[in-house]
Amino acid sequence: MSGNVKIVAIASPAELEQAWAIRRRVFIEEQHVPEEIELDEDDRLAFHALAFFDDEPVGTGRMVSCGDDEVKIGRMAVLSELRGSGIGREILLFLMNEARARGIKKAVLHAQLTAEGFYLRCGYRPIGGVFDEAGIAHRKMEIEL
């Protein structure tokens, strides 16, 4: 992939709007997740990351604290035309590095089954069986940080 990828911590309402626009496209428009489920209360408390490709916002992810030593990573989204380019992995690593910097010991996530291979390649391991979330099959996964 040619071009410049940059991942940043979201620091302004404008950047958060850019992340929400990506999530709307991916989750609400493409995957038909109801908006009231997608944009939730955790957004206010979460640490958000935004990925830029050639200065255009193209991906996002967030993490929410789950106690003193665990975070839940979620809302990982990359625009369809750039999936498979490594941007999702860069976002995930950025969030994991931020968690480590905060002294967090473990990250958990709810992976869509279609993305389970991606998370396995990133070192996550599946926990338990498949469950439904927003009409989409998921599996809980975790990694020690």
C-alpha atoms as a PDB file:
ATOM      1  CA  MET A   1       0.000   0.000   0.000  1.00  0.00           C
ATOM      2  CA  SER A   2       1.464   3.322  -0.966  1.00  0.00           C
ATOM      3  CA  GLY A   3       0.530   6.362   1.042  1.00  0.00           C
ATOM      4  CA  ASN A   4       1.038   7.603   4.542  1.00  0.00           C
ATOM      5  CA  VAL A   5      -0.840   6.036   7.490  1.00  0.00           C
ATOM      6  CA  LYS A   6      -0.999   7.873  10.802  1.00  0.00           C
ATOM      7  CA  ILE A   7      -2.879   6.834  13.965  1.00  0.00           C
ATOM      8  CA  VAL A   8      -3.713   9.496  16.552  1.00  0.00           C
ATOM      9  CA  ALA A   9      -5.513   9.716  19.867  1.00  0.00           C
ATOM     10  CA  ILE A  10      -8.746  11.607  19.323  1.00  0.00           C
ATOM     11  CA  ALA A  11      -8.368  14.972  21.009  1.00  0.00           C
ATOM     12  CA  SER A  12     -11.217  17.106  19.682  1.00  0.00           C
ATOM     13  CA  PRO A  13     -14.968  16.957  19.011  1.00  0.00           C
ATOM     14  CA  ALA A  14     -14.218  17.301  15.273  1.00  0.00           C
ATOM     15  CA  GLU A  15     -12.019  14.184  15.321  1.00  0.00           C
ATOM     16  CA  LEU A  16     -14.690  12.286  17.261  1.00  0.00           C
ATOM     17  CA  GLU A  17     -17.212  13.262  14.572  1.00  0.00           C
ATOM     18  CA  GLN A  18     -14.828  11.859  11.940  1.00  0.00           C
ATOM     19  CA  ALA A  19     -14.646   8.575  13.883  1.00  0.00           C
ATOM     20  CA  TRP A  20     -18.445   8.442  14.201  1.00  0.00           C
ATOM     21  CA  ALA A  21     -18.805   9.038  10.451  1.00  0.00           C
ATOM     22  CA  ILE A  22     -16.577   5.997   9.783  1.00  0.00           C
ATOM     23  CA  ARG A  23     -18.525   3.900  12.297  1.00  0.00           C
ATOM     24  CA  ARG A  24     -21.837   4.972  10.724  1.00  0.00           C
ATOM     25  CA  ARG A  25     -20.619   3.863   7.291  1.00  0.00           C
ATOM     26  CA  VAL A  26     -19.229   0.530   8.475  1.00  0.00           C
ATOM     27  CA  PHE A  27     -21.613  -0.567  11.215  1.00  0.00           C
ATOM     28  CA  ILE A  28     -24.916   1.188  10.515  1.00  0.00           C
ATOM     29  CA  GLU A  29     -24.923   1.423   6.707  1.00  0.00           C
ATOM     30  CA  GLU A  30     -22.915  -1.694   5.727  1.00  0.00           C
ATOM     31  CA  GLN A  31     -23.752  -4.049   8.602  1.00  0.00           C
ATOM     32  CA  HIS A  32     -27.198  -2.669   9.535  1.00  0.00           C
ATOM     33  CA  VAL A  33     -26.443  -2.294  13.247  1.00  0.00           C
ATOM     34  CA  PRO A  34     -29.136  -0.076  14.835  1.00  0.00           C
ATOM     35  CA  GLU A  35     -27.781   3.421  15.514  1.00  0.00           C
ATOM     36  CA  GLU A  36     -28.969   3.348  19.137  1.00  0.00           C
ATOM     37  CA  ILE A  37     -26.713   0.326  19.757  1.00  0.00           C
ATOM     38  CA  GLU A  38     -23.731   1.608  17.787  1.00  0.00           C
ATOM     39  CA  LEU A  39     -23.363   5.056  19.360  1.00  0.00           C
ATOM     40  CA  ASP A  40     -23.480   4.268  23.075  1.00  0.00           C
ATOM     41  CA  GLU A  41     -22.731   5.648  26.534  1.00  0.00           C
ATOM     42  CA  ASP A  42     -19.226   4.166  26.508  1.00  0.00           C
ATOM     43  CA  ASP A  43     -18.229   6.699  23.849  1.00  0.00           C
ATOM     44  CA  ARG A  44     -18.079   9.409  26.531  1.00  0.00           C
ATOM     45  CA  LEU A  45     -15.654   7.370  28.669  1.00  0.00           C
ATOM     46  CA  ALA A  46     -13.603   5.663  25.982  1.00  0.00           C
ATOM     47  CA  PHE A  47     -10.137   6.395  24.638  1.00  0.00           C
ATOM     48  CA  HIS A  48     -10.607   6.742  20.869  1.00  0.00           C
ATOM     49  CA  ALA A  49      -8.097   6.333  18.054  1.00  0.00           C
ATOM     50  CA  LEU A  50      -8.421   7.663  14.520  1.00  0.00           C
ATOM     51  CA  ALA A  51      -6.477   6.440  11.495  1.00  0.00           C
ATOM     52  CA  PHE A  52      -5.578   8.713   8.609  1.00  0.00           C
ATOM     53  CA  PHE A  53      -4.424   7.619   5.170  1.00  0.00           C
ATOM     54  CA  ASP A  54      -2.919  10.488   3.181  1.00  0.00           C
ATOM     55  CA  ASP A  55      -4.552  12.875   5.700  1.00  0.00           C
ATOM     56  CA  GLU A  56      -8.055  11.416   5.172  1.00  0.00           C
ATOM     57  CA  PRO A  57      -9.808   9.716   8.127  1.00  0.00           C
ATOM     58  CA  VAL A  58     -10.221   6.039   7.195  1.00  0.00           C
ATOM     59  CA  GLY A  59     -10.402   3.996  10.401  1.00  0.00           C
ATOM     60  CA  THR A  60     -11.160   4.084  14.095  1.00  0.00           C
ATOM     61  CA  GLY A  61     -11.234   2.073  17.288  1.00  0.00           C
ATOM     62  CA  ARG A  62     -11.768   2.645  20.969  1.00  0.00           C
ATOM     63  CA  MET A  63     -10.983   1.154  24.347  1.00  0.00           C
ATOM     64  CA  VAL A  64     -12.950   1.308  27.557  1.00  0.00           C
ATOM     65  CA  SER A  65     -11.552   0.605  31.007  1.00  0.00           C
ATOM     66  CA  CYS A  66     -12.943  -2.514  32.706  1.00  0.00           C
ATOM     67  CA  GLY A  67     -11.433  -2.102  36.150  1.00  0.00           C
ATOM     68  CA  ASP A  68      -7.823  -1.540  37.091  1.00  0.00           C
ATOM     69  CA  ASP A  69      -6.083  -4.039  34.849  1.00  0.00           C
ATOM     70  CA  GLU A  70      -8.335  -4.716  31.841  1.00  0.00           C
ATOM     71  CA  VAL A  71      -9.664  -2.804  28.838  1.00  0.00           C
ATOM     72  CA  LYS A  72     -12.267  -3.706  26.253  1.00  0.00           C
ATOM     73  CA  ILE A  73     -11.282  -2.792  22.713  1.00  0.00           C
ATOM     74  CA  GLY A  74     -14.110  -2.215  20.304  1.00  0.00           C
ATOM     75  CA  ARG A  75     -15.720  -0.287  17.480  1.00  0.00           C
ATOM     76  CA  MET A  76     -12.803  -1.238  15.262  1.00  0.00           C
ATOM     77  CA  ALA A  77     -13.697  -0.030  11.778  1.00  0.00           C
ATOM     78  CA  VAL A  78     -11.817   0.638   8.541  1.00  0.00           C
ATOM     79  CA  LEU A  79     -13.485   1.936   5.385  1.00  0.00           C
ATOM     80  CA  SER A  80     -14.238  -0.949   3.019  1.00  0.00           C
ATOM     81  CA  GLU A  81     -11.905   0.196   0.248  1.00  0.00           C
ATOM     82  CA  LEU A  82      -8.890   0.010   2.617  1.00  0.00           C
ATOM     83  CA  ARG A  83      -9.643  -3.236   4.464  1.00  0.00           C
ATOM     84  CA  GLY A  84      -6.800  -5.715   4.257  1.00  0.00           C
ATOM     85  CA  SER A  85      -4.237  -2.923   3.971  1.00  0.00           C
ATOM     86  CA  GLY A  86      -2.894  -3.218   7.541  1.00  0.00           C
ATOM     87  CA  ILE A  87      -4.645  -0.119   8.876  1.00  0.00           C
ATOM     88  CA  GLY A  88      -6.828  -2.154  11.251  1.00  0.00           C
ATOM     89  CA  ARG A  89      -3.740  -3.820  12.687  1.00  0.00           C
ATOM     90  CA  GLU A  90      -2.105  -0.398  13.185  1.00  0.00           C
ATOM     91  CA  ILE A  91      -5.190   0.859  15.055  1.00  0.00           C
ATOM     92  CA  LEU A  92      -5.274  -2.267  17.236  1.00  0.00           C
ATOM     93  CA  LEU A  93      -1.559  -2.011  18.065  1.00  0.00           C
ATOM     94  CA  PHE A  94      -1.971   1.694  18.868  1.00  0.00           C
ATOM     95  CA  LEU A  95      -4.781   0.906  21.331  1.00  0.00           C
ATOM     96  CA  MET A  96      -2.847  -1.990  22.882  1.00  0.00           C
ATOM     97  CA  ASN A  97       0.254   0.181  23.309  1.00  0.00           C
ATOM     98  CA  GLU A  98      -1.841   2.888  24.985  1.00  0.00           C
ATOM     99  CA  ALA A  99      -3.276   0.264  27.357  1.00  0.00           C
ATOM    100  CA  ARG A 100       0.243  -0.985  28.198  1.00  0.00           C
ATOM    101  CA  ALA A 101       1.388   2.593  28.845  1.00  0.00           C
ATOM    102  CA  ARG A 102      -1.467   2.870  31.368  1.00  0.00           C
ATOM    103  CA  GLY A 103      -0.330  -0.284  33.153  1.00  0.00           C
ATOM    104  CA  ILE A 104      -3.180  -2.427  31.838  1.00  0.00           C
ATOM    105  CA  LYS A 105      -2.508  -6.178  31.885  1.00  0.00           C
ATOM    106  CA  LYS A 106      -5.211  -7.585  29.584  1.00  0.00           C
ATOM    107  CA  ALA A 107      -7.339  -6.531  26.611  1.00  0.00           C
ATOM    108  CA  VAL A 108     -10.632  -8.199  25.718  1.00  0.00           C
ATOM    109  CA  LEU A 109     -12.868  -7.695  22.710  1.00  0.00           C
ATOM    110  CA  HIS A 110     -15.973  -9.062  21.039  1.00  0.00           C
ATOM    111  CA  ALA A 111     -14.796 -10.079  17.567  1.00  0.00           C
ATOM    112  CA  GLN A 112     -17.214 -10.482  14.704  1.00  0.00           C
ATOM    113  CA  LEU A 113     -16.681 -14.046  13.486  1.00  0.00           C
ATOM    114  CA  THR A 114     -15.693 -12.701  10.072  1.00  0.00           C
ATOM    115  CA  ALA A 115     -12.815 -10.848  11.809  1.00  0.00           C
ATOM    116  CA  GLU A 116     -11.758 -13.641  14.178  1.00  0.00           C
ATOM    117  CA  GLY A 117      -8.812 -14.620  11.945  1.00  0.00           C
ATOM    118  CA  PHE A 118      -7.556 -11.024  12.022  1.00  0.00           C
ATOM    119  CA  TYR A 119      -7.523 -10.998  15.820  1.00  0.00           C
ATOM    120  CA  LEU A 120      -5.942 -14.465  15.993  1.00  0.00           C
ATOM    121  CA  ARG A 121      -3.101 -13.199  13.777  1.00  0.00           C
ATOM    122  CA  CYS A 122      -2.705 -10.278  16.209  1.00  0.00           C
ATOM    123  CA  GLY A 123      -2.226 -12.683  19.139  1.00  0.00           C
ATOM    124  CA  TYR A 124      -5.725 -12.792  20.614  1.00  0.00           C
ATOM    125  CA  ARG A 125      -7.225 -16.081  21.739  1.00  0.00           C
ATOM    126  CA  PRO A 126     -10.909 -17.046  21.689  1.00  0.00           C
ATOM    127  CA  ILE A 127     -12.798 -17.407  24.968  1.00  0.00           C
ATOM    128  CA  GLY A 128     -16.051 -19.356  25.010  1.00  0.00           C
ATOM    129  CA  GLY A 129     -18.619 -19.859  22.309  1.00  0.00           C
ATOM    130  CA  VAL A 130     -20.267 -17.792  19.638  1.00  0.00           C
ATOM    131  CA  PHE A 131     -22.922 -15.261  20.675  1.00  0.00           C
ATOM    132  CA  ASP A 132     -25.166 -12.735  18.956  1.00  0.00           C
ATOM    133  CA  GLU A 133     -24.483  -9.016  19.294  1.00  0.00           C
ATOM    134  CA  ALA A 134     -26.538  -6.590  17.196  1.00  0.00           C
ATOM    135  CA  GLY A 135     -27.627  -9.472  14.959  1.00  0.00           C
ATOM    136  CA  ILE A 136     -24.014 -10.428  14.143  1.00  0.00           C
ATOM    137  CA  ALA A 137     -22.170 -13.560  15.342  1.00  0.00           C
ATOM    138  CA  HIS A 138     -19.305 -12.693  17.712  1.00  0.00           C
ATOM    139  CA  ARG A 139     -16.801 -14.444  19.963  1.00  0.00           C
ATOM    140  CA  LYS A 140     -15.055 -12.999  23.004  1.00  0.00           C
ATOM    141  CA  MET A 141     -11.271 -12.875  22.643  1.00  0.00           C
ATOM    142  CA  GLU A 142      -8.442 -11.721  24.897  1.00  0.00           C
ATOM    143  CA  ILE A 143      -4.731 -11.072  25.030  1.00  0.00           C
ATOM    144  CA  GLU A 144      -2.282 -10.564  27.869  1.00  0.00           C
ATOM    145  CA  LEU A 145      -0.516  -7.234  27.483  1.00  0.00           C
END
